Amino acid sequence: MSNQQWQLVKEHFSEERQYIDGFYYRLRTLAEDEYELAVIHGGVCGENIYHPQMKVKETKGMLVPLSMYDNYSFPVVNLSYEDAPERLTDELQSLLQQFLQAKELI
């Protein structure tokens, strides 16, 4: 994953959920250097269904995944970086691509 991709996501997404092609996209700031990326489906009762929700940390311009939650998948996925570092790194790359493709930035 490149720093340029991350910067594009930060420039084009915000705390406000943005509805694009049937999904909501959100980039939320959790702390000075921690963020939450989420692709959200609306459930039949109005609940949020995350596919996925990922917490990340920005350190020295690099993005490091901290955890991932996906309650669209069955069984529900709830992982931390310590549990599956390679999978979370791959999922983060895929999620950044999904955000960029949603707004046709790549």
N, C-alpha and C. Protein backbone atom coordinates (compact mmCIF):
# COMPACT_ATOMS: atom_id res chain seq x y z
N MET A 1 0.85 -1.16 0.00
CA MET A 1 0.00 0.00 0.00
C MET A 1 0.89 1.22 0.00
N SER A 2 0.47 2.22 -0.71
CA SER A 2 1.32 3.40 -0.82
C SER A 2 0.78 4.54 0.04
N ASN A 3 1.69 5.39 0.42
CA ASN A 3 1.32 6.58 1.17
C ASN A 3 0.41 7.47 0.33
N GLN A 4 0.61 7.46 -0.99
CA GLN A 4 -0.21 8.27 -1.89
C GLN A 4 -1.67 7.80 -1.84
N GLN A 5 -1.91 6.50 -1.80
CA GLN A 5 -3.28 5.98 -1.70
C GLN A 5 -3.94 6.46 -0.41
N TRP A 6 -3.22 6.37 0.68
CA TRP A 6 -3.74 6.79 1.97
C TRP A 6 -4.06 8.28 1.97
N GLN A 7 -3.17 9.08 1.38
CA GLN A 7 -3.42 10.53 1.33
C GLN A 7 -4.68 10.83 0.51
N LEU A 8 -4.89 10.11 -0.59
CA LEU A 8 -6.10 10.30 -1.41
C LEU A 8 -7.35 9.97 -0.61
N VAL A 9 -7.31 8.89 0.13
CA VAL A 9 -8.46 8.51 0.97
C VAL A 9 -8.72 9.61 2.00
N LYS A 10 -7.68 10.10 2.66
CA LYS A 10 -7.85 11.15 3.66
C LYS A 10 -8.40 12.43 3.05
N GLU A 11 -8.03 12.75 1.82
CA GLU A 11 -8.50 13.97 1.16
C GLU A 11 -9.96 13.88 0.73
N HIS A 12 -10.43 12.69 0.35
CA HIS A 12 -11.74 12.55 -0.28
C HIS A 12 -12.83 11.93 0.59
N PHE A 13 -12.49 11.49 1.79
CA PHE A 13 -13.48 10.90 2.68
C PHE A 13 -13.41 11.59 4.03
N SER A 14 -14.50 11.51 4.77
CA SER A 14 -14.56 12.23 6.05
C SER A 14 -15.42 11.48 7.05
N GLU A 15 -15.67 12.13 8.18
CA GLU A 15 -16.50 11.58 9.24
C GLU A 15 -17.94 11.36 8.77
N GLU A 16 -18.37 12.14 7.79
CA GLU A 16 -19.71 12.01 7.24
C GLU A 16 -19.78 10.76 6.37
N ARG A 17 -20.79 9.94 6.60
CA ARG A 17 -20.97 8.77 5.74
C ARG A 17 -21.35 9.24 4.34
N GLN A 18 -20.69 8.67 3.35
CA GLN A 18 -20.98 9.02 1.96
C GLN A 18 -21.58 7.80 1.27
N TYR A 19 -22.77 7.99 0.69
CA TYR A 19 -23.46 6.89 0.02
C TYR A 19 -22.99 6.82 -1.42
N ILE A 20 -22.36 5.71 -1.78
CA ILE A 20 -21.83 5.52 -3.14
C ILE A 20 -22.16 4.09 -3.58
N ASP A 21 -22.92 3.97 -4.65
CA ASP A 21 -23.23 2.67 -5.25
C ASP A 21 -23.72 1.62 -4.25
N GLY A 22 -24.65 2.01 -3.38
CA GLY A 22 -25.27 1.04 -2.49
C GLY A 22 -24.59 0.83 -1.15
N PHE A 23 -23.47 1.52 -0.90
CA PHE A 23 -22.74 1.37 0.35
C PHE A 23 -22.43 2.74 0.92
N TYR A 24 -22.25 2.79 2.24
CA TYR A 24 -21.79 4.00 2.90
C TYR A 24 -20.29 3.84 3.18
N TYR A 25 -19.54 4.90 2.91
CA TYR A 25 -18.10 4.92 3.17
C TYR A 25 -17.83 6.00 4.21
N ARG A 26 -16.97 5.67 5.17
CA ARG A 26 -16.66 6.64 6.22
C ARG A 26 -15.21 6.49 6.66
N LEU A 27 -14.57 7.63 6.87
CA LEU A 27 -13.23 7.70 7.47
C LEU A 27 -13.37 8.55 8.72
N ARG A 28 -13.22 7.91 9.86
CA ARG A 28 -13.41 8.61 11.13
C ARG A 28 -12.07 8.73 11.84
N THR A 29 -11.80 9.89 12.41
CA THR A 29 -10.60 10.10 13.22
C THR A 29 -10.91 9.67 14.64
N LEU A 30 -10.12 8.75 15.18
CA LEU A 30 -10.32 8.27 16.54
C LEU A 30 -9.40 8.96 17.53
N ALA A 31 -8.19 9.24 17.10
CA ALA A 31 -7.19 9.94 17.91
C ALA A 31 -6.30 10.68 16.93
N GLU A 32 -5.29 11.33 17.43
CA GLU A 32 -4.43 12.14 16.56
C GLU A 32 -3.86 11.33 15.39
N ASP A 33 -3.52 10.07 15.63
CA ASP A 33 -2.91 9.26 14.59
C ASP A 33 -3.65 7.94 14.35
N GLU A 34 -4.87 7.83 14.86
CA GLU A 34 -5.66 6.61 14.67
C GLU A 34 -6.96 6.93 13.93
N TYR A 35 -7.31 6.02 13.02
CA TYR A 35 -8.47 6.22 12.16
C TYR A 35 -9.28 4.95 12.07
N GLU A 36 -10.53 5.13 11.65
CA GLU A 36 -11.40 3.99 11.39
C GLU A 36 -11.92 4.12 9.96
N LEU A 37 -11.66 3.12 9.15
CA LEU A 37 -12.20 3.04 7.79
C LEU A 37 -13.36 2.06 7.83
N ALA A 38 -14.50 2.43 7.24
CA ALA A 38 -15.64 1.53 7.28
C ALA A 38 -16.43 1.58 5.98
N VAL A 39 -16.80 0.40 5.51
CA VAL A 39 -17.78 0.25 4.44
C VAL A 39 -19.01 -0.30 5.13
N ILE A 40 -20.12 0.43 5.03
CA ILE A 40 -21.30 0.11 5.82
C ILE A 40 -22.49 -0.18 4.91
N HIS A 41 -23.14 -1.29 5.17
CA HIS A 41 -24.40 -1.65 4.52
C HIS A 41 -25.50 -1.25 5.49
N GLY A 42 -26.62 -0.83 4.95
CA GLY A 42 -27.77 -0.59 5.80
C GLY A 42 -28.55 -1.88 5.98
N GLY A 43 -28.79 -2.27 7.21
CA GLY A 43 -29.57 -3.48 7.48
C GLY A 43 -31.06 -3.22 7.32
N VAL A 44 -31.84 -4.26 7.30
CA VAL A 44 -33.29 -4.14 7.09
C VAL A 44 -33.98 -3.38 8.21
N CYS A 45 -33.39 -3.33 9.38
CA CYS A 45 -33.98 -2.58 10.50
C CYS A 45 -33.25 -1.26 10.73
N GLY A 46 -32.42 -0.86 9.78
CA GLY A 46 -31.69 0.40 9.89
C GLY A 46 -30.36 0.29 10.62
N GLU A 47 -29.98 -0.91 11.02
CA GLU A 47 -28.71 -1.09 11.72
C GLU A 47 -27.54 -1.01 10.74
N ASN A 48 -26.36 -0.73 11.29
CA ASN A 48 -25.14 -0.71 10.48
C ASN A 48 -24.58 -2.12 10.39
N ILE A 49 -24.26 -2.53 9.17
CA ILE A 49 -23.59 -3.80 8.93
C ILE A 49 -22.24 -3.47 8.29
N TYR A 50 -21.18 -3.77 9.01
CA TYR A 50 -19.83 -3.41 8.56
C TYR A 50 -19.26 -4.51 7.68
N HIS A 51 -18.71 -4.07 6.54
CA HIS A 51 -18.13 -5.03 5.59
C HIS A 51 -16.90 -4.45 4.92
N PRO A 52 -15.82 -4.21 5.59
CA PRO A 52 -15.53 -4.32 7.01
C PRO A 52 -15.42 -2.93 7.66
N GLN A 53 -15.06 -2.97 8.93
CA GLN A 53 -14.68 -1.79 9.70
C GLN A 53 -13.25 -2.07 10.16
N MET A 54 -12.33 -1.16 9.87
CA MET A 54 -10.94 -1.41 10.22
C MET A 54 -10.36 -0.20 10.95
N LYS A 55 -9.68 -0.46 12.05
CA LYS A 55 -8.97 0.59 12.78
C LYS A 55 -7.51 0.52 12.37
N VAL A 56 -6.95 1.71 12.09
CA VAL A 56 -5.57 1.80 11.62
C VAL A 56 -4.84 2.90 12.38
N LYS A 57 -3.53 2.81 12.34
CA LYS A 57 -2.69 3.82 12.98
C LYS A 57 -1.68 4.32 11.95
N GLU A 58 -1.51 5.63 11.90
CA GLU A 58 -0.54 6.24 11.00
C GLU A 58 0.72 6.56 11.79
N THR A 59 1.83 5.93 11.40
CA THR A 59 3.10 6.17 12.07
C THR A 59 4.17 6.44 11.03
N LYS A 60 4.76 7.60 11.11
CA LYS A 60 5.82 8.01 10.19
C LYS A 60 5.39 7.87 8.73
N GLY A 61 4.15 8.26 8.45
CA GLY A 61 3.64 8.22 7.09
C GLY A 61 3.18 6.85 6.62
N MET A 62 3.37 5.84 7.44
CA MET A 62 2.94 4.48 7.10
C MET A 62 1.64 4.17 7.83
N LEU A 63 0.83 3.36 7.21
CA LEU A 63 -0.45 2.96 7.78
C LEU A 63 -0.35 1.52 8.28
N VAL A 64 -0.68 1.31 9.55
CA VAL A 64 -0.60 -0.01 10.17
C VAL A 64 -2.00 -0.42 10.64
N PRO A 65 -2.49 -1.59 10.21
CA PRO A 65 -3.81 -2.03 10.68
C PRO A 65 -3.73 -2.45 12.15
N LEU A 66 -4.75 -2.08 12.91
CA LEU A 66 -4.82 -2.47 14.32
C LEU A 66 -5.83 -3.58 14.54
N SER A 67 -7.01 -3.43 13.92
CA SER A 67 -8.05 -4.44 14.10
C SER A 67 -9.06 -4.35 12.95
N MET A 68 -9.83 -5.42 12.81
CA MET A 68 -10.86 -5.47 11.77
C MET A 68 -12.08 -6.18 12.33
N TYR A 69 -13.26 -5.63 11.98
CA TYR A 69 -14.53 -6.21 12.37
C TYR A 69 -15.41 -6.27 11.12
N ASP A 70 -16.02 -7.43 10.87
CA ASP A 70 -16.89 -7.59 9.71
C ASP A 70 -18.09 -8.45 10.13
N ASN A 71 -19.24 -7.79 10.32
CA ASN A 71 -20.42 -8.54 10.71
C ASN A 71 -21.33 -8.85 9.52
N TYR A 72 -20.84 -8.61 8.32
CA TYR A 72 -21.54 -9.05 7.11
C TYR A 72 -21.15 -10.49 6.80
N SER A 73 -19.89 -10.80 7.05
CA SER A 73 -19.37 -12.15 6.81
C SER A 73 -19.94 -13.12 7.84
N PHE A 74 -19.99 -14.39 7.42
CA PHE A 74 -20.41 -15.43 8.35
C PHE A 74 -19.36 -16.52 8.34
N PRO A 75 -18.77 -16.86 9.46
CA PRO A 75 -19.01 -16.25 10.76
C PRO A 75 -18.44 -14.84 10.84
N VAL A 76 -18.89 -14.07 11.81
CA VAL A 76 -18.43 -12.70 12.01
C VAL A 76 -16.92 -12.71 12.22
N VAL A 77 -16.24 -11.75 11.59
CA VAL A 77 -14.78 -11.65 11.71
C VAL A 77 -14.45 -10.53 12.70
N ASN A 78 -13.63 -10.85 13.68
CA ASN A 78 -13.18 -9.86 14.66
C ASN A 78 -11.72 -10.19 14.98
N LEU A 79 -10.80 -9.50 14.31
CA LEU A 79 -9.38 -9.81 14.42
C LEU A 79 -8.57 -8.61 14.87
N SER A 80 -7.50 -8.89 15.58
CA SER A 80 -6.52 -7.85 15.89
C SER A 80 -5.25 -8.15 15.09
N TYR A 81 -4.39 -7.16 15.01
CA TYR A 81 -3.15 -7.31 14.25
C TYR A 81 -2.29 -8.45 14.82
N GLU A 82 -2.32 -8.59 16.13
CA GLU A 82 -1.53 -9.65 16.77
C GLU A 82 -2.02 -11.04 16.36
N ASP A 83 -3.34 -11.16 16.09
CA ASP A 83 -3.91 -12.45 15.71
C ASP A 83 -3.54 -12.86 14.28
N ALA A 84 -3.56 -11.89 13.37
CA ALA A 84 -3.38 -12.22 11.94
C ALA A 84 -2.78 -11.03 11.19
N PRO A 85 -1.49 -10.74 11.39
CA PRO A 85 -0.89 -9.56 10.77
C PRO A 85 -0.93 -9.57 9.24
N GLU A 86 -0.68 -10.72 8.62
CA GLU A 86 -0.68 -10.77 7.15
C GLU A 86 -2.08 -10.56 6.60
N ARG A 87 -3.06 -11.19 7.22
CA ARG A 87 -4.44 -11.04 6.73
C ARG A 87 -4.91 -9.59 6.88
N LEU A 88 -4.61 -8.96 8.01
CA LEU A 88 -5.04 -7.57 8.19
C LEU A 88 -4.33 -6.63 7.23
N THR A 89 -3.07 -6.88 6.96
CA THR A 89 -2.35 -6.06 5.98
C THR A 89 -2.97 -6.20 4.60
N ASP A 90 -3.30 -7.42 4.20
CA ASP A 90 -3.96 -7.66 2.91
C ASP A 90 -5.34 -7.02 2.87
N GLU A 91 -6.10 -7.16 3.94
CA GLU A 91 -7.45 -6.58 4.01
C GLU A 91 -7.39 -5.05 3.96
N LEU A 92 -6.38 -4.46 4.58
CA LEU A 92 -6.24 -3.00 4.54
C LEU A 92 -5.97 -2.54 3.11
N GLN A 93 -5.10 -3.23 2.42
CA GLN A 93 -4.82 -2.87 1.02
C GLN A 93 -6.09 -2.96 0.19
N SER A 94 -6.84 -4.02 0.37
CA SER A 94 -8.09 -4.21 -0.36
C SER A 94 -9.10 -3.12 -0.02
N LEU A 95 -9.18 -2.75 1.25
CA LEU A 95 -10.12 -1.71 1.68
C LEU A 95 -9.75 -0.35 1.11
N LEU A 96 -8.47 -0.02 1.10
CA LEU A 96 -8.04 1.25 0.48
C LEU A 96 -8.40 1.28 -1.00
N GLN A 97 -8.19 0.16 -1.69
CA GLN A 97 -8.55 0.08 -3.11
C GLN A 97 -10.06 0.28 -3.29
N GLN A 98 -10.85 -0.31 -2.42
CA GLN A 98 -12.30 -0.18 -2.51
C GLN A 98 -12.72 1.28 -2.31
N PHE A 99 -12.13 1.97 -1.36
CA PHE A 99 -12.43 3.39 -1.15
C PHE A 99 -12.06 4.20 -2.39
N LEU A 100 -10.89 3.96 -2.94
CA LEU A 100 -10.43 4.73 -4.11
C LEU A 100 -11.29 4.44 -5.34
N GLN A 101 -11.66 3.19 -5.53
CA GLN A 101 -12.51 2.82 -6.67
C GLN A 101 -13.91 3.40 -6.54
N ALA A 102 -14.41 3.54 -5.33
CA ALA A 102 -15.76 4.07 -5.11
C ALA A 102 -15.88 5.48 -5.68
N LYS A 103 -14.83 6.27 -5.57
CA LYS A 103 -14.85 7.64 -6.11
C LYS A 103 -14.04 7.77 -7.39
N GLU A 104 -13.71 6.62 -7.98
CA GLU A 104 -12.96 6.58 -9.24
C GLU A 104 -11.68 7.41 -9.17
N LEU A 105 -10.93 7.22 -8.08
CA LEU A 105 -9.68 7.92 -7.90
C LEU A 105 -8.49 7.15 -8.43
N ILE A 106 -8.74 5.89 -8.84
CA ILE A 106 -7.68 5.08 -9.45
C ILE A 106 -8.20 4.46 -10.72
